[in-house]
């Protein structure tokens, strides 16, 4: 199993970031279309599909299912991939620095091969795949930071 984690201190309360992460279909990042697949309130069992763009420009549909939701501090998602199953864990923790309120945000993705092809790809492209995953996680946190800034400004 491969693991990639990204941390960032965000100038917003964890509760505000939680709402931005879990408000379907207004989920951050806003430039990623979301199709909600299950009715009802957000929580374990909620599922949705995101349409992302691969680095080569082709479309990629990713489905996510909420495994655990502990507002406003922990969100665990699963996503089956091509021969690899992914688990994303978002953790949010309020902190104070210089009399300002921040949220310490960590997003971690764990990739577990689900088929022989997934193991082969992991061996051949492990480092490249980890760098690509880290880049996407950093972009998602940056989108969360930008959305929190827009929310504070309005």
N, C-alpha and C. Protein backbone atom coordinates (compact mmCIF):
# COMPACT_ATOMS: atom_id res chain seq x y z
N UNK A 1 0.85 -1.18 0.00
CA UNK A 1 0.00 0.00 0.00
C UNK A 1 0.90 1.24 0.00
N UNK A 2 0.53 2.22 -0.81
CA UNK A 2 1.25 3.49 -0.88
C UNK A 2 0.43 4.56 -0.18
N UNK A 3 1.14 5.47 0.47
CA UNK A 3 0.47 6.56 1.18
C UNK A 3 1.13 7.88 0.83
N UNK A 4 0.31 8.88 0.56
CA UNK A 4 0.77 10.25 0.31
C UNK A 4 -0.06 11.16 1.21
N UNK A 5 0.61 12.09 1.90
CA UNK A 5 -0.11 13.03 2.77
C UNK A 5 0.38 14.45 2.51
N UNK A 6 -0.55 15.39 2.62
CA UNK A 6 -0.25 16.81 2.45
C UNK A 6 -0.86 17.56 3.63
N UNK A 7 -0.10 18.50 4.19
CA UNK A 7 -0.55 19.31 5.33
C UNK A 7 -0.52 20.78 4.96
N UNK A 8 -1.45 21.52 5.55
CA UNK A 8 -1.44 22.97 5.34
C UNK A 8 -2.20 23.65 6.47
N UNK A 9 -1.71 24.79 6.87
CA UNK A 9 -2.39 25.63 7.85
C UNK A 9 -3.25 26.62 7.08
N UNK A 10 -4.57 26.63 7.37
CA UNK A 10 -5.52 27.43 6.60
C UNK A 10 -6.15 28.47 7.52
N UNK A 11 -6.18 29.74 7.11
CA UNK A 11 -6.74 30.80 7.96
C UNK A 11 -8.27 30.80 7.97
N UNK A 12 -8.84 29.74 8.55
CA UNK A 12 -10.30 29.61 8.65
C UNK A 12 -10.60 28.56 9.71
N UNK A 13 -11.75 28.66 10.36
CA UNK A 13 -12.12 27.63 11.34
C UNK A 13 -12.40 26.29 10.65
N UNK A 14 -12.12 25.21 11.35
CA UNK A 14 -12.35 23.87 10.81
C UNK A 14 -13.81 23.68 10.40
N UNK A 15 -14.76 24.24 11.16
CA UNK A 15 -16.18 24.07 10.83
C UNK A 15 -16.51 24.68 9.47
N UNK A 16 -15.90 25.82 9.13
CA UNK A 16 -16.14 26.43 7.82
C UNK A 16 -15.58 25.55 6.70
N UNK A 17 -14.40 25.00 6.92
CA UNK A 17 -13.80 24.13 5.91
C UNK A 17 -14.61 22.85 5.75
N UNK A 18 -15.12 22.33 6.86
CA UNK A 18 -15.96 21.14 6.81
C UNK A 18 -17.17 21.36 5.89
N UNK A 19 -17.82 22.51 6.06
CA UNK A 19 -18.99 22.81 5.21
C UNK A 19 -18.60 22.87 3.74
N UNK A 20 -17.45 23.44 3.45
CA UNK A 20 -16.99 23.53 2.06
C UNK A 20 -16.69 22.15 1.48
N UNK A 21 -16.18 21.25 2.29
CA UNK A 21 -15.86 19.90 1.83
C UNK A 21 -17.09 19.01 1.66
N UNK A 22 -18.13 19.26 2.44
CA UNK A 22 -19.24 18.31 2.50
C UNK A 22 -20.55 18.83 1.92
N UNK A 23 -20.57 20.04 1.39
CA UNK A 23 -21.79 20.61 0.81
C UNK A 23 -21.91 20.17 -0.64
N UNK A 24 -22.54 19.02 -0.87
CA UNK A 24 -22.74 18.54 -2.23
C UNK A 24 -23.98 19.20 -2.80
N UNK A 25 -24.04 19.62 -4.06
CA UNK A 25 -22.99 19.56 -5.07
C UNK A 25 -22.10 20.80 -5.12
N UNK A 26 -22.09 21.61 -4.10
CA UNK A 26 -21.24 22.81 -4.08
C UNK A 26 -19.84 22.50 -3.54
N UNK A 27 -19.45 21.25 -3.58
CA UNK A 27 -18.19 20.81 -2.98
C UNK A 27 -16.99 21.49 -3.63
N UNK A 28 -15.99 21.74 -2.82
CA UNK A 28 -14.73 22.29 -3.29
C UNK A 28 -13.85 21.12 -3.71
N UNK A 29 -13.13 21.19 -4.84
CA UNK A 29 -12.95 22.37 -5.69
C UNK A 29 -14.13 22.59 -6.63
N UNK A 30 -14.47 23.85 -6.82
CA UNK A 30 -15.66 24.24 -7.57
C UNK A 30 -15.55 23.94 -9.07
N UNK A 31 -14.34 23.84 -9.60
CA UNK A 31 -14.19 23.59 -11.04
C UNK A 31 -14.32 22.11 -11.38
N UNK A 32 -14.62 21.27 -10.39
CA UNK A 32 -14.80 19.84 -10.61
C UNK A 32 -16.29 19.53 -10.50
N UNK A 33 -16.96 19.22 -11.64
CA UNK A 33 -18.39 18.92 -11.58
C UNK A 33 -18.67 17.69 -10.70
N UNK A 34 -19.75 17.79 -9.92
CA UNK A 34 -20.14 16.72 -8.99
C UNK A 34 -21.55 16.26 -9.32
N UNK A 35 -21.73 14.95 -9.39
CA UNK A 35 -23.05 14.34 -9.56
C UNK A 35 -23.34 13.53 -8.30
N UNK A 36 -24.32 13.95 -7.51
CA UNK A 36 -24.67 13.25 -6.28
C UNK A 36 -25.42 11.97 -6.67
N UNK A 37 -24.99 10.84 -6.10
CA UNK A 37 -25.57 9.54 -6.46
C UNK A 37 -26.54 9.01 -5.41
N UNK A 38 -26.51 9.57 -4.21
CA UNK A 38 -27.40 9.09 -3.14
C UNK A 38 -28.19 10.27 -2.58
N UNK A 39 -29.47 10.04 -2.26
CA UNK A 39 -30.27 11.12 -1.66
C UNK A 39 -30.00 11.23 -0.17
N UNK A 40 -30.46 12.32 0.40
CA UNK A 40 -30.39 12.47 1.86
C UNK A 40 -29.21 13.29 2.33
N UNK A 41 -29.08 13.29 3.64
CA UNK A 41 -28.02 14.08 4.29
C UNK A 41 -26.65 13.48 4.06
N UNK A 42 -25.64 14.34 4.13
CA UNK A 42 -24.26 13.91 3.96
C UNK A 42 -23.84 13.09 5.18
N UNK A 43 -23.27 11.94 4.95
CA UNK A 43 -22.79 11.08 6.02
C UNK A 43 -22.34 9.75 5.46
N UNK A 44 -22.00 8.79 6.33
CA UNK A 44 -21.56 7.48 5.84
C UNK A 44 -22.58 6.91 4.85
N UNK A 45 -22.05 6.44 3.73
CA UNK A 45 -22.90 5.90 2.67
C UNK A 45 -23.17 6.88 1.54
N UNK A 46 -23.01 8.18 1.80
CA UNK A 46 -23.20 9.18 0.74
C UNK A 46 -22.19 8.89 -0.37
N UNK A 47 -22.67 8.97 -1.62
CA UNK A 47 -21.75 8.76 -2.74
C UNK A 47 -21.99 9.80 -3.82
N UNK A 48 -20.94 10.08 -4.56
CA UNK A 48 -21.02 11.03 -5.66
C UNK A 48 -19.94 10.71 -6.69
N UNK A 49 -20.08 11.31 -7.86
CA UNK A 49 -19.12 11.15 -8.95
C UNK A 49 -18.56 12.53 -9.27
N UNK A 50 -17.25 12.60 -9.42
CA UNK A 50 -16.56 13.83 -9.83
C UNK A 50 -15.98 13.62 -11.22
N UNK A 51 -16.06 14.63 -12.04
CA UNK A 51 -15.47 14.59 -13.38
C UNK A 51 -14.20 15.44 -13.35
N UNK A 52 -13.08 14.80 -13.41
CA UNK A 52 -11.80 15.50 -13.40
C UNK A 52 -11.14 15.37 -14.76
N UNK A 53 -10.07 16.11 -14.95
CA UNK A 53 -9.32 16.07 -16.20
C UNK A 53 -7.93 15.52 -15.88
N UNK A 54 -7.54 14.50 -16.62
CA UNK A 54 -6.20 13.93 -16.47
C UNK A 54 -5.17 14.91 -17.03
N UNK A 55 -3.90 14.73 -16.67
CA UNK A 55 -2.85 15.60 -17.21
C UNK A 55 -2.80 15.60 -18.74
N UNK A 56 -3.21 14.50 -19.37
CA UNK A 56 -3.19 14.45 -20.84
C UNK A 56 -4.43 15.09 -21.47
N UNK A 57 -5.35 15.61 -20.62
CA UNK A 57 -6.54 16.28 -21.11
C UNK A 57 -7.78 15.41 -21.22
N UNK A 58 -7.62 14.11 -21.04
CA UNK A 58 -8.78 13.21 -21.12
C UNK A 58 -9.61 13.28 -19.84
N UNK A 59 -10.88 12.90 -19.95
CA UNK A 59 -11.79 12.95 -18.81
C UNK A 59 -11.58 11.73 -17.90
N UNK A 60 -11.79 11.96 -16.62
CA UNK A 60 -11.69 10.90 -15.63
C UNK A 60 -12.87 11.03 -14.68
N UNK A 61 -13.72 10.01 -14.64
CA UNK A 61 -14.85 9.98 -13.70
C UNK A 61 -14.40 9.21 -12.46
N UNK A 62 -14.48 9.85 -11.30
CA UNK A 62 -14.13 9.20 -10.04
C UNK A 62 -15.35 9.17 -9.15
N UNK A 63 -15.64 7.99 -8.59
CA UNK A 63 -16.74 7.86 -7.64
C UNK A 63 -16.18 7.78 -6.23
N UNK A 64 -16.89 8.45 -5.30
CA UNK A 64 -16.48 8.48 -3.91
C UNK A 64 -17.64 8.03 -3.03
N UNK A 65 -17.30 7.34 -1.95
CA UNK A 65 -18.28 6.94 -0.95
C UNK A 65 -17.74 7.36 0.41
N UNK A 66 -18.60 7.97 1.23
CA UNK A 66 -18.20 8.37 2.58
C UNK A 66 -18.19 7.13 3.47
N UNK A 67 -17.03 6.86 4.06
CA UNK A 67 -16.91 5.76 5.02
C UNK A 67 -17.13 6.24 6.44
N UNK A 68 -16.61 7.44 6.73
CA UNK A 68 -16.76 8.02 8.07
C UNK A 68 -16.84 9.53 7.94
N UNK A 69 -17.71 10.13 8.75
CA UNK A 69 -17.87 11.59 8.77
C UNK A 69 -18.03 11.99 10.23
N UNK A 70 -17.02 12.69 10.75
CA UNK A 70 -17.02 13.15 12.14
C UNK A 70 -16.86 14.66 12.13
N UNK A 71 -17.99 15.40 11.92
CA UNK A 71 -17.90 16.86 11.79
C UNK A 71 -17.35 17.50 13.05
N UNK A 72 -16.56 18.51 12.93
CA UNK A 72 -15.90 19.04 11.73
C UNK A 72 -14.45 18.60 11.65
N UNK A 73 -14.14 17.38 12.06
CA UNK A 73 -12.72 17.05 12.18
C UNK A 73 -12.19 15.93 11.33
N UNK A 74 -13.04 15.01 10.85
CA UNK A 74 -12.50 13.87 10.10
C UNK A 74 -13.50 13.38 9.07
N UNK A 75 -13.00 13.20 7.84
CA UNK A 75 -13.80 12.70 6.73
C UNK A 75 -12.99 11.62 6.03
N UNK A 76 -13.58 10.42 5.90
CA UNK A 76 -12.89 9.31 5.24
C UNK A 76 -13.73 8.89 4.04
N UNK A 77 -13.08 8.85 2.88
CA UNK A 77 -13.74 8.52 1.62
C UNK A 77 -13.04 7.33 0.97
N UNK A 78 -13.81 6.53 0.24
CA UNK A 78 -13.19 5.49 -0.58
C UNK A 78 -13.52 5.77 -2.04
N UNK A 79 -12.63 5.31 -2.91
CA UNK A 79 -12.82 5.50 -4.34
C UNK A 79 -12.14 4.34 -5.07
N UNK A 80 -12.94 3.51 -5.76
CA UNK A 80 -12.31 2.44 -6.54
C UNK A 80 -11.67 3.01 -7.79
N UNK A 81 -10.46 2.58 -8.07
CA UNK A 81 -9.76 3.05 -9.26
C UNK A 81 -9.54 1.90 -10.23
N UNK A 82 -8.72 2.14 -11.22
CA UNK A 82 -8.38 1.13 -12.22
C UNK A 82 -7.35 0.18 -11.63
N UNK A 83 -7.80 -0.91 -11.02
CA UNK A 83 -6.88 -1.87 -10.42
C UNK A 83 -6.34 -1.45 -9.07
N UNK A 84 -6.77 -0.28 -8.59
CA UNK A 84 -6.29 0.25 -7.30
C UNK A 84 -7.47 0.85 -6.56
N UNK A 85 -7.58 0.54 -5.29
CA UNK A 85 -8.60 1.16 -4.45
C UNK A 85 -7.94 2.26 -3.61
N UNK A 86 -8.63 3.40 -3.52
CA UNK A 86 -8.09 4.55 -2.82
C UNK A 86 -8.93 4.85 -1.57
N UNK A 87 -8.24 5.30 -0.54
CA UNK A 87 -8.90 5.79 0.67
C UNK A 87 -8.32 7.17 0.97
N UNK A 88 -9.22 8.16 1.06
CA UNK A 88 -8.82 9.54 1.35
C UNK A 88 -9.27 9.87 2.77
N UNK A 89 -8.38 10.43 3.55
CA UNK A 89 -8.73 10.85 4.90
C UNK A 89 -8.38 12.32 5.05
N UNK A 90 -9.42 13.13 5.31
CA UNK A 90 -9.25 14.56 5.59
C UNK A 90 -9.36 14.73 7.10
N UNK A 91 -8.39 15.42 7.70
CA UNK A 91 -8.50 15.77 9.11
C UNK A 91 -8.36 17.28 9.23
N UNK A 92 -9.19 17.86 10.08
CA UNK A 92 -9.23 19.30 10.31
C UNK A 92 -9.14 19.52 11.81
N UNK A 93 -8.26 20.42 12.21
CA UNK A 93 -8.09 20.70 13.65
C UNK A 93 -7.88 22.19 13.84
N UNK A 94 -8.71 22.79 14.70
CA UNK A 94 -8.56 24.22 14.99
C UNK A 94 -7.30 24.47 15.80
N UNK A 95 -6.57 25.51 15.41
CA UNK A 95 -5.37 25.94 16.15
C UNK A 95 -5.36 27.46 16.21
N UNK A 96 -4.67 27.99 17.18
CA UNK A 96 -4.50 29.45 17.28
C UNK A 96 -3.02 29.77 17.14
N UNK A 97 -2.76 30.77 16.31
CA UNK A 97 -1.39 31.26 16.11
C UNK A 97 -1.46 32.77 16.09
N UNK A 98 -0.69 33.40 16.94
CA UNK A 98 -0.65 34.87 16.99
C UNK A 98 -2.04 35.47 17.05
N UNK A 99 -2.84 34.94 17.93
CA UNK A 99 -4.21 35.41 18.18
C UNK A 99 -5.15 35.27 16.98
N UNK A 100 -4.75 34.46 16.00
CA UNK A 100 -5.62 34.20 14.85
C UNK A 100 -6.03 32.75 14.85
N UNK A 101 -7.20 32.49 14.32
CA UNK A 101 -7.73 31.14 14.27
C UNK A 101 -7.43 30.51 12.91
N UNK A 102 -6.89 29.32 12.95
CA UNK A 102 -6.54 28.56 11.76
C UNK A 102 -7.11 27.15 11.89
N UNK A 103 -7.07 26.44 10.78
CA UNK A 103 -7.34 25.01 10.80
C UNK A 103 -6.10 24.31 10.24
N UNK A 104 -5.60 23.34 10.98
CA UNK A 104 -4.54 22.48 10.47
C UNK A 104 -5.24 21.41 9.64
N UNK A 105 -4.94 21.38 8.36
CA UNK A 105 -5.60 20.47 7.43
C UNK A 105 -4.59 19.43 6.96
N UNK A 106 -4.98 18.18 7.04
CA UNK A 106 -4.19 17.09 6.48
C UNK A 106 -5.10 16.28 5.59
N UNK A 107 -4.64 16.01 4.40
CA UNK A 107 -5.36 15.07 3.53
C UNK A 107 -4.36 13.99 3.14
N UNK A 108 -4.80 12.76 3.34
CA UNK A 108 -3.94 11.61 3.07
C UNK A 108 -4.68 10.67 2.12
N UNK A 109 -3.95 10.14 1.15
CA UNK A 109 -4.52 9.13 0.26
C UNK A 109 -3.68 7.87 0.41
N UNK A 110 -4.39 6.77 0.55
CA UNK A 110 -3.75 5.46 0.60
C UNK A 110 -4.23 4.69 -0.62
N UNK A 111 -3.30 4.11 -1.35
CA UNK A 111 -3.63 3.34 -2.55
C UNK A 111 -3.29 1.88 -2.30
N UNK A 112 -4.28 1.03 -2.51
CA UNK A 112 -4.10 -0.41 -2.30
C UNK A 112 -4.44 -1.12 -3.61
N UNK A 113 -3.47 -1.88 -4.16
CA UNK A 113 -3.76 -2.63 -5.39
C UNK A 113 -4.94 -3.56 -5.19
N UNK A 114 -5.88 -3.54 -6.14
CA UNK A 114 -7.07 -4.39 -6.06
C UNK A 114 -7.05 -5.49 -7.12
N UNK A 115 -6.04 -5.47 -7.97
CA UNK A 115 -5.92 -6.46 -9.04
C UNK A 115 -4.44 -6.58 -9.40
N UNK A 116 -4.05 -7.69 -10.04
CA UNK A 116 -2.63 -7.84 -10.43
C UNK A 116 -2.12 -6.66 -11.26
N UNK A 117 -2.96 -6.12 -12.13
CA UNK A 117 -2.53 -4.98 -12.95
C UNK A 117 -2.19 -3.78 -12.07
N UNK A 118 -2.95 -3.58 -11.00
CA UNK A 118 -2.67 -2.49 -10.07
C UNK A 118 -1.33 -2.64 -9.39
N UNK A 119 -0.96 -3.88 -9.06
CA UNK A 119 0.35 -4.12 -8.44
C UNK A 119 1.48 -3.80 -9.42
N UNK A 120 1.30 -4.24 -10.67
CA UNK A 120 2.32 -3.99 -11.70
C UNK A 120 2.49 -2.51 -11.94
N UNK A 121 1.40 -1.79 -12.07
CA UNK A 121 1.48 -0.34 -12.29
C UNK A 121 2.14 0.32 -11.09
N UNK A 122 1.80 -0.12 -9.88
CA UNK A 122 2.40 0.44 -8.67
C UNK A 122 3.91 0.25 -8.65
N UNK A 123 4.38 -0.91 -9.07
CA UNK A 123 5.82 -1.17 -9.09
C UNK A 123 6.52 -0.32 -10.15
N UNK A 124 5.88 -0.21 -11.32
CA UNK A 124 6.51 0.52 -12.42
C UNK A 124 6.42 2.04 -12.27
N UNK A 125 5.30 2.52 -11.76
CA UNK A 125 5.05 3.96 -11.73
C UNK A 125 4.86 4.49 -10.31
N UNK A 126 5.27 3.77 -9.31
CA UNK A 126 5.02 4.15 -7.92
C UNK A 126 5.39 5.58 -7.59
N UNK A 127 6.63 5.97 -7.87
CA UNK A 127 7.07 7.33 -7.55
C UNK A 127 6.34 8.38 -8.37
N UNK A 128 6.13 8.10 -9.64
CA UNK A 128 5.41 9.03 -10.51
C UNK A 128 3.97 9.18 -10.05
N UNK A 129 3.33 8.06 -9.71
CA UNK A 129 1.94 8.11 -9.24
C UNK A 129 1.85 8.87 -7.92
N UNK A 130 2.82 8.68 -7.03
CA UNK A 130 2.81 9.39 -5.74
C UNK A 130 2.95 10.89 -5.96
N UNK A 131 3.82 11.30 -6.87
CA UNK A 131 3.98 12.73 -7.15
C UNK A 131 2.71 13.32 -7.77
N UNK A 132 2.07 12.55 -8.65
CA UNK A 132 0.82 13.02 -9.27
C UNK A 132 -0.27 13.15 -8.20
N UNK A 133 -0.36 12.17 -7.30
CA UNK A 133 -1.36 12.22 -6.22
C UNK A 133 -1.10 13.41 -5.31
N UNK A 134 0.17 13.65 -4.97
CA UNK A 134 0.50 14.80 -4.11
C UNK A 134 0.10 16.11 -4.78
N UNK A 135 0.33 16.21 -6.07
CA UNK A 135 -0.04 17.43 -6.79
C UNK A 135 -1.55 17.67 -6.72
N UNK A 136 -2.34 16.62 -6.94
CA UNK A 136 -3.80 16.75 -6.88
C UNK A 136 -4.25 17.14 -5.48
N UNK A 137 -3.67 16.52 -4.45
CA UNK A 137 -4.04 16.86 -3.07
C UNK A 137 -3.71 18.32 -2.76
N UNK A 138 -2.55 18.78 -3.21
CA UNK A 138 -2.18 20.19 -2.99
C UNK A 138 -3.16 21.12 -3.70
N UNK A 139 -3.57 20.76 -4.91
CA UNK A 139 -4.54 21.57 -5.66
C UNK A 139 -5.88 21.60 -4.93
N UNK A 140 -6.31 20.45 -4.39
CA UNK A 140 -7.58 20.40 -3.67
C UNK A 140 -7.54 21.26 -2.40
N UNK A 141 -6.43 21.23 -1.68
CA UNK A 141 -6.31 22.08 -0.49
C UNK A 141 -6.26 23.55 -0.90
N UNK A 142 -5.55 23.86 -1.97
CA UNK A 142 -5.50 25.25 -2.45
C UNK A 142 -6.89 25.74 -2.83
N UNK A 143 -7.69 24.89 -3.46
CA UNK A 143 -9.07 25.26 -3.80
C UNK A 143 -9.89 25.49 -2.53
N UNK A 144 -9.65 24.69 -1.51
CA UNK A 144 -10.34 24.86 -0.23
C UNK A 144 -9.95 26.19 0.41
N UNK A 145 -8.68 26.54 0.37
CA UNK A 145 -8.20 27.82 0.91
C UNK A 145 -8.85 28.98 0.16
N UNK A 146 -8.89 28.89 -1.17
CA UNK A 146 -9.49 29.97 -1.97
C UNK A 146 -10.98 30.11 -1.68
N UNK A 147 -11.69 28.99 -1.54
CA UNK A 147 -13.12 29.04 -1.23
C UNK A 147 -13.36 29.64 0.16
N UNK A 148 -12.52 29.31 1.10
CA UNK A 148 -12.65 29.87 2.46
C UNK A 148 -12.40 31.38 2.42
N UNK A 149 -11.44 31.82 1.62
CA UNK A 149 -11.16 33.26 1.50
C UNK A 149 -12.34 33.99 0.87
N UNK A 150 -12.94 33.39 -0.16
CA UNK A 150 -14.13 34.00 -0.80
C UNK A 150 -15.28 34.07 0.19
N UNK A 151 -15.44 33.05 0.99
CA UNK A 151 -16.51 33.00 1.99
C UNK A 151 -16.31 34.10 3.03
N UNK A 152 -15.08 34.30 3.49
CA UNK A 152 -14.79 35.35 4.47
C UNK A 152 -15.03 36.73 3.89
N UNK A 153 -14.73 36.91 2.60
CA UNK A 153 -14.86 38.21 1.95
C UNK A 153 -16.32 38.60 1.69
N UNK A 154 -17.20 37.62 1.62
CA UNK A 154 -18.60 37.94 1.29
C UNK A 154 -19.44 38.22 2.52
